[in-house]
Amino acid sequence: MAAKPAGSTTRTRTSVRVAPELAALELEQLVTFRVSLVAKLLERRLAKLVSEFDLAVAEYRVLAQIAMRPGCTVREISARTLVDKAQVSRSIATLERRELITRSVPSTDRRSPVLFITRSGRGLIRRIAPRRQAEEQQILAEMSPASVVELDRNLRDLFDRLS
């Protein structure tokens, strides 16, 4: 393929002319940028869903982690959700005020309280879970089961490489 003359442009998928040396900067061409956009769209959908239960996304994620792993710590939740410990701590304070979780301070390590879901918190998670599952099914409905499995595998592989 012959080299383009200096000053020529390249047509991109969006039909905008871009100088060849700038084509690599076009975000829409980057798979990672599109993955980031999809993540933001999914986060917005989750925010809308959990707001119906008077929760923020961070609070929901913390509550779900405590429901699945009773006795976990702030550090463990932070590591599993990739949310900084300060944000996890703020979410825990809110969930405690709402009596959705409790904390216990073990005598072996007073710096790392362990967290437990309350009956009220468990009831809330039980109301949210079917809605979350239905939302996921709706999002993936147009994909074949094999495509969903492949997407999941690819996302897990990408996560493992990045973490």
C-alpha atoms as a PDB file:
ATOM      1  CA  MET A   1       0.000   0.000   0.000  1.00  0.00           C
ATOM      2  CA  ALA A   2       1.446   3.364  -0.993  1.00  0.00           C
ATOM      3  CA  ALA A   3       2.116   5.973   1.661  1.00  0.00           C
ATOM      4  CA  LYS A   4      -0.320   8.873   1.741  1.00  0.00           C
ATOM      5  CA  PRO A   5       1.093  12.285   0.997  1.00  0.00           C
ATOM      6  CA  ALA A   6       1.789  14.568   3.958  1.00  0.00           C
ATOM      7  CA  GLY A   7      -1.242  16.551   4.996  1.00  0.00           C
ATOM      8  CA  SER A   8      -3.743  13.986   3.657  1.00  0.00           C
ATOM      9  CA  THR A   9      -6.533  12.749   5.868  1.00  0.00           C
ATOM     10  CA  THR A  10      -8.077   9.402   6.726  1.00  0.00           C
ATOM     11  CA  ARG A  11     -11.814   8.773   6.779  1.00  0.00           C
ATOM     12  CA  THR A  12     -12.970   7.105   9.991  1.00  0.00           C
ATOM     13  CA  ARG A  13     -16.094   5.142  10.823  1.00  0.00           C
ATOM     14  CA  THR A  14     -17.838   8.368  11.871  1.00  0.00           C
ATOM     15  CA  SER A  15     -17.123   9.927   8.449  1.00  0.00           C
ATOM     16  CA  VAL A  16     -14.981  12.652   9.973  1.00  0.00           C
ATOM     17  CA  ARG A  17     -11.672  13.337   8.282  1.00  0.00           C
ATOM     18  CA  VAL A  18      -8.744  12.844  10.641  1.00  0.00           C
ATOM     19  CA  ALA A  19      -5.076  13.372   9.885  1.00  0.00           C
ATOM     20  CA  PRO A  20      -3.339   9.937   9.839  1.00  0.00           C
ATOM     21  CA  GLU A  21      -1.011  10.830  12.695  1.00  0.00           C
ATOM     22  CA  LEU A  22      -4.069  11.661  14.829  1.00  0.00           C
ATOM     23  CA  ALA A  23      -6.148   8.585  13.935  1.00  0.00           C
ATOM     24  CA  ALA A  24      -4.725   6.665  16.917  1.00  0.00           C
ATOM     25  CA  LEU A  25      -6.195   9.336  19.204  1.00  0.00           C
ATOM     26  CA  GLU A  26      -9.761   8.792  18.044  1.00  0.00           C
ATOM     27  CA  LEU A  27     -11.299   7.339  21.170  1.00  0.00           C
ATOM     28  CA  GLU A  28     -14.255   5.701  19.456  1.00  0.00           C
ATOM     29  CA  GLN A  29     -11.828   3.412  17.633  1.00  0.00           C
ATOM     30  CA  LEU A  30     -10.407   2.050  20.897  1.00  0.00           C
ATOM     31  CA  VAL A  31     -12.027  -1.101  22.255  1.00  0.00           C
ATOM     32  CA  THR A  32     -11.034  -0.066  25.772  1.00  0.00           C
ATOM     33  CA  PHE A  33     -12.874   3.234  25.367  1.00  0.00           C
ATOM     34  CA  ARG A  34     -16.035   1.414  24.254  1.00  0.00           C
ATOM     35  CA  VAL A  35     -15.731  -0.975  27.212  1.00  0.00           C
ATOM     36  CA  SER A  36     -15.491   2.082  29.473  1.00  0.00           C
ATOM     37  CA  LEU A  37     -18.640   3.561  27.915  1.00  0.00           C
ATOM     38  CA  VAL A  38     -20.522   0.289  28.362  1.00  0.00           C
ATOM     39  CA  ALA A  39     -19.432   0.203  32.019  1.00  0.00           C
ATOM     40  CA  LYS A  40     -20.772   3.732  32.524  1.00  0.00           C
ATOM     41  CA  LEU A  41     -24.086   2.851  30.891  1.00  0.00           C
ATOM     42  CA  LEU A  42     -24.414  -0.231  33.085  1.00  0.00           C
ATOM     43  CA  GLU A  43     -23.568   1.845  36.164  1.00  0.00           C
ATOM     44  CA  ARG A  44     -26.320   4.334  35.258  1.00  0.00           C
ATOM     45  CA  ARG A  45     -28.855   1.521  34.920  1.00  0.00           C
ATOM     46  CA  LEU A  46     -27.784   0.091  38.267  1.00  0.00           C
ATOM     47  CA  ALA A  47     -27.994   3.532  39.890  1.00  0.00           C
ATOM     48  CA  LYS A  48     -31.549   3.951  38.622  1.00  0.00           C
ATOM     49  CA  LEU A  49     -32.554   0.523  39.895  1.00  0.00           C
ATOM     50  CA  VAL A  50     -31.049   0.801  43.381  1.00  0.00           C
ATOM     51  CA  SER A  51     -32.270   4.388  43.815  1.00  0.00           C
ATOM     52  CA  GLU A  52     -35.774   2.899  43.894  1.00  0.00           C
ATOM     53  CA  PHE A  53     -34.655   1.272  47.155  1.00  0.00           C
ATOM     54  CA  ASP A  54     -33.062   4.491  48.435  1.00  0.00           C
ATOM     55  CA  LEU A  55     -29.523   3.183  47.883  1.00  0.00           C
ATOM     56  CA  ALA A  56     -26.526   4.556  46.036  1.00  0.00           C
ATOM     57  CA  VAL A  57     -24.532   2.154  43.836  1.00  0.00           C
ATOM     58  CA  ALA A  58     -21.653   2.015  46.335  1.00  0.00           C
ATOM     59  CA  GLU A  59     -24.045   1.250  49.189  1.00  0.00           C
ATOM     60  CA  TYR A  60     -25.721  -1.501  47.184  1.00  0.00           C
ATOM     61  CA  ARG A  61     -22.379  -3.100  46.319  1.00  0.00           C
ATOM     62  CA  VAL A  62     -21.229  -2.991  49.938  1.00  0.00           C
ATOM     63  CA  LEU A  63     -24.540  -4.416  51.160  1.00  0.00           C
ATOM     64  CA  ALA A  64     -24.389  -7.208  48.566  1.00  0.00           C
ATOM     65  CA  GLN A  65     -20.810  -8.079  49.562  1.00  0.00           C
ATOM     66  CA  ILE A  66     -21.772  -8.281  53.236  1.00  0.00           C
ATOM     67  CA  ALA A  67     -24.817 -10.408  52.374  1.00  0.00           C
ATOM     68  CA  MET A  68     -22.662 -12.844  50.380  1.00  0.00           C
ATOM     69  CA  ARG A  69     -19.717 -12.846  52.822  1.00  0.00           C
ATOM     70  CA  PRO A  70     -20.921 -12.343  56.409  1.00  0.00           C
ATOM     71  CA  GLY A  71     -18.085 -11.301  58.684  1.00  0.00           C
ATOM     72  CA  CYS A  72     -16.102  -9.544  55.944  1.00  0.00           C
ATOM     73  CA  THR A  73     -14.036  -6.412  56.562  1.00  0.00           C
ATOM     74  CA  VAL A  74     -13.732  -3.010  54.903  1.00  0.00           C
ATOM     75  CA  ARG A  75     -10.424  -4.093  53.378  1.00  0.00           C
ATOM     76  CA  GLU A  76     -11.993  -7.238  51.860  1.00  0.00           C
ATOM     77  CA  ILE A  77     -14.930  -5.301  50.410  1.00  0.00           C
ATOM     78  CA  SER A  78     -12.585  -2.677  48.994  1.00  0.00           C
ATOM     79  CA  ALA A  79     -10.455  -5.345  47.317  1.00  0.00           C
ATOM     80  CA  ARG A  80     -13.451  -7.177  45.837  1.00  0.00           C
ATOM     81  CA  THR A  81     -15.243  -4.075  44.513  1.00  0.00           C
ATOM     82  CA  LEU A  82     -12.200  -1.979  43.554  1.00  0.00           C
ATOM     83  CA  VAL A  83     -13.638   0.875  45.611  1.00  0.00           C
ATOM     84  CA  ASP A  84     -11.320   2.804  47.924  1.00  0.00           C
ATOM     85  CA  LYS A  85     -11.613   2.074  51.639  1.00  0.00           C
ATOM     86  CA  ALA A  86     -12.835   5.583  52.440  1.00  0.00           C
ATOM     87  CA  GLN A  87     -15.834   5.212  50.111  1.00  0.00           C
ATOM     88  CA  VAL A  88     -16.553   1.736  51.510  1.00  0.00           C
ATOM     89  CA  SER A  89     -16.416   3.188  55.048  1.00  0.00           C
ATOM     90  CA  ARG A  90     -18.862   5.964  54.128  1.00  0.00           C
ATOM     91  CA  SER A  91     -21.241   3.395  52.632  1.00  0.00           C
ATOM     92  CA  ILE A  92     -20.947   1.253  55.756  1.00  0.00           C
ATOM     93  CA  ALA A  93     -21.802   4.253  57.954  1.00  0.00           C
ATOM     94  CA  THR A  94     -24.924   4.919  55.880  1.00  0.00           C
ATOM     95  CA  LEU A  95     -25.972   1.266  55.911  1.00  0.00           C
ATOM     96  CA  GLU A  96     -25.442   1.116  59.696  1.00  0.00           C
ATOM     97  CA  ARG A  97     -27.576   4.242  60.244  1.00  0.00           C
ATOM     98  CA  ARG A  98     -30.323   2.569  58.219  1.00  0.00           C
ATOM     99  CA  GLU A  99     -29.893  -0.591  60.323  1.00  0.00           C
ATOM    100  CA  LEU A 100     -29.194  -2.691  57.226  1.00  0.00           C
ATOM    101  CA  ILE A 101     -25.870  -3.935  58.613  1.00  0.00           C
ATOM    102  CA  THR A 102     -24.087  -4.232  61.941  1.00  0.00           C
ATOM    103  CA  ARG A 103     -20.428  -4.231  62.823  1.00  0.00           C
ATOM    104  CA  SER A 104     -18.628  -6.249  65.437  1.00  0.00           C
ATOM    105  CA  VAL A 105     -15.131  -5.573  66.704  1.00  0.00           C
ATOM    106  CA  PRO A 106     -13.198  -8.797  67.247  1.00  0.00           C
ATOM    107  CA  SER A 107     -10.924  -8.918  70.257  1.00  0.00           C
ATOM    108  CA  THR A 108      -8.096 -10.281  68.071  1.00  0.00           C
ATOM    109  CA  ASP A 109      -7.913  -7.187  65.809  1.00  0.00           C
ATOM    110  CA  ARG A 110      -9.787  -4.133  67.006  1.00  0.00           C
ATOM    111  CA  ARG A 111      -8.725  -2.191  63.869  1.00  0.00           C
ATOM    112  CA  SER A 112     -10.724  -4.424  61.502  1.00  0.00           C
ATOM    113  CA  PRO A 113     -14.386  -4.657  62.470  1.00  0.00           C
ATOM    114  CA  VAL A 114     -16.334  -7.448  60.832  1.00  0.00           C
ATOM    115  CA  LEU A 115     -19.626  -6.713  59.135  1.00  0.00           C
ATOM    116  CA  PHE A 116     -22.936  -8.562  59.123  1.00  0.00           C
ATOM    117  CA  ILE A 117     -26.213  -7.995  57.335  1.00  0.00           C
ATOM    118  CA  THR A 118     -29.330  -7.491  59.457  1.00  0.00           C
ATOM    119  CA  ARG A 119     -32.719  -9.070  58.849  1.00  0.00           C
ATOM    120  CA  SER A 120     -33.845  -5.771  57.326  1.00  0.00           C
ATOM    121  CA  GLY A 121     -30.769  -5.666  55.055  1.00  0.00           C
ATOM    122  CA  ARG A 122     -31.331  -9.248  53.939  1.00  0.00           C
ATOM    123  CA  GLY A 123     -34.952  -8.416  53.141  1.00  0.00           C
ATOM    124  CA  LEU A 124     -33.825  -5.476  51.024  1.00  0.00           C
ATOM    125  CA  ILE A 125     -31.299  -7.597  49.114  1.00  0.00           C
ATOM    126  CA  ARG A 126     -34.008 -10.213  48.504  1.00  0.00           C
ATOM    127  CA  ARG A 127     -36.203  -7.532  46.952  1.00  0.00           C
ATOM    128  CA  ILE A 128     -33.400  -6.150  44.775  1.00  0.00           C
ATOM    129  CA  ALA A 129     -31.914  -9.481  43.578  1.00  0.00           C
ATOM    130  CA  PRO A 130     -34.744 -10.539  41.236  1.00  0.00           C
ATOM    131  CA  ARG A 131     -34.824  -7.082  39.683  1.00  0.00           C
ATOM    132  CA  ARG A 132     -31.029  -7.235  39.120  1.00  0.00           C
ATOM    133  CA  GLN A 133     -31.352 -10.661  37.530  1.00  0.00           C
ATOM    134  CA  ALA A 134     -34.186  -9.482  35.273  1.00  0.00           C
ATOM    135  CA  GLU A 135     -32.141  -6.425  34.278  1.00  0.00           C
ATOM    136  CA  GLU A 136     -29.178  -8.612  33.331  1.00  0.00           C
ATOM    137  CA  GLN A 137     -31.395 -10.950  31.321  1.00  0.00           C
ATOM    138  CA  GLN A 138     -32.889  -7.981  29.487  1.00  0.00           C
ATOM    139  CA  ILE A 139     -29.446  -6.555  28.685  1.00  0.00           C
ATOM    140  CA  LEU A 140     -28.179  -9.887  27.350  1.00  0.00           C
ATOM    141  CA  ALA A 141     -31.432 -11.017  25.692  1.00  0.00           C
ATOM    142  CA  GLU A 142     -30.292 -10.288  22.137  1.00  0.00           C
ATOM    143  CA  MET A 143     -27.121 -12.350  22.543  1.00  0.00           C
ATOM    144  CA  SER A 144     -26.916 -16.092  22.011  1.00  0.00           C
ATOM    145  CA  PRO A 145     -26.021 -18.186  25.069  1.00  0.00           C
ATOM    146  CA  ALA A 146     -22.656 -18.983  23.436  1.00  0.00           C
ATOM    147  CA  SER A 147     -21.982 -15.253  22.935  1.00  0.00           C
ATOM    148  CA  VAL A 148     -22.795 -14.542  26.579  1.00  0.00           C
ATOM    149  CA  VAL A 149     -20.391 -17.282  27.691  1.00  0.00           C
ATOM    150  CA  GLU A 150     -17.707 -15.918  25.361  1.00  0.00           C
ATOM    151  CA  LEU A 151     -18.253 -12.341  26.569  1.00  0.00           C
ATOM    152  CA  ASP A 152     -18.009 -13.482  30.178  1.00  0.00           C
ATOM    153  CA  ARG A 153     -14.815 -15.424  29.477  1.00  0.00           C
ATOM    154  CA  ASN A 154     -13.255 -12.478  27.640  1.00  0.00           C
ATOM    155  CA  LEU A 155     -14.164 -10.024  30.410  1.00  0.00           C
ATOM    156  CA  ARG A 156     -12.739 -12.361  33.072  1.00  0.00           C
ATOM    157  CA  ASP A 157      -9.534 -12.771  31.061  1.00  0.00           C
ATOM    158  CA  LEU A 158      -9.205  -9.010  30.598  1.00  0.00           C
ATOM    159  CA  PHE A 159      -9.850  -8.411  34.297  1.00  0.00           C
ATOM    160  CA  ASP A 160      -7.225 -10.988  35.256  1.00  0.00           C
ATOM    161  CA  ARG A 161      -4.649  -9.388  32.959  1.00  0.00           C
ATOM    162  CA  LEU A 162      -5.311  -5.912  34.322  1.00  0.00           C
ATOM    163  CA  SER A 163      -5.427  -6.766  38.013  1.00  0.00           C
END
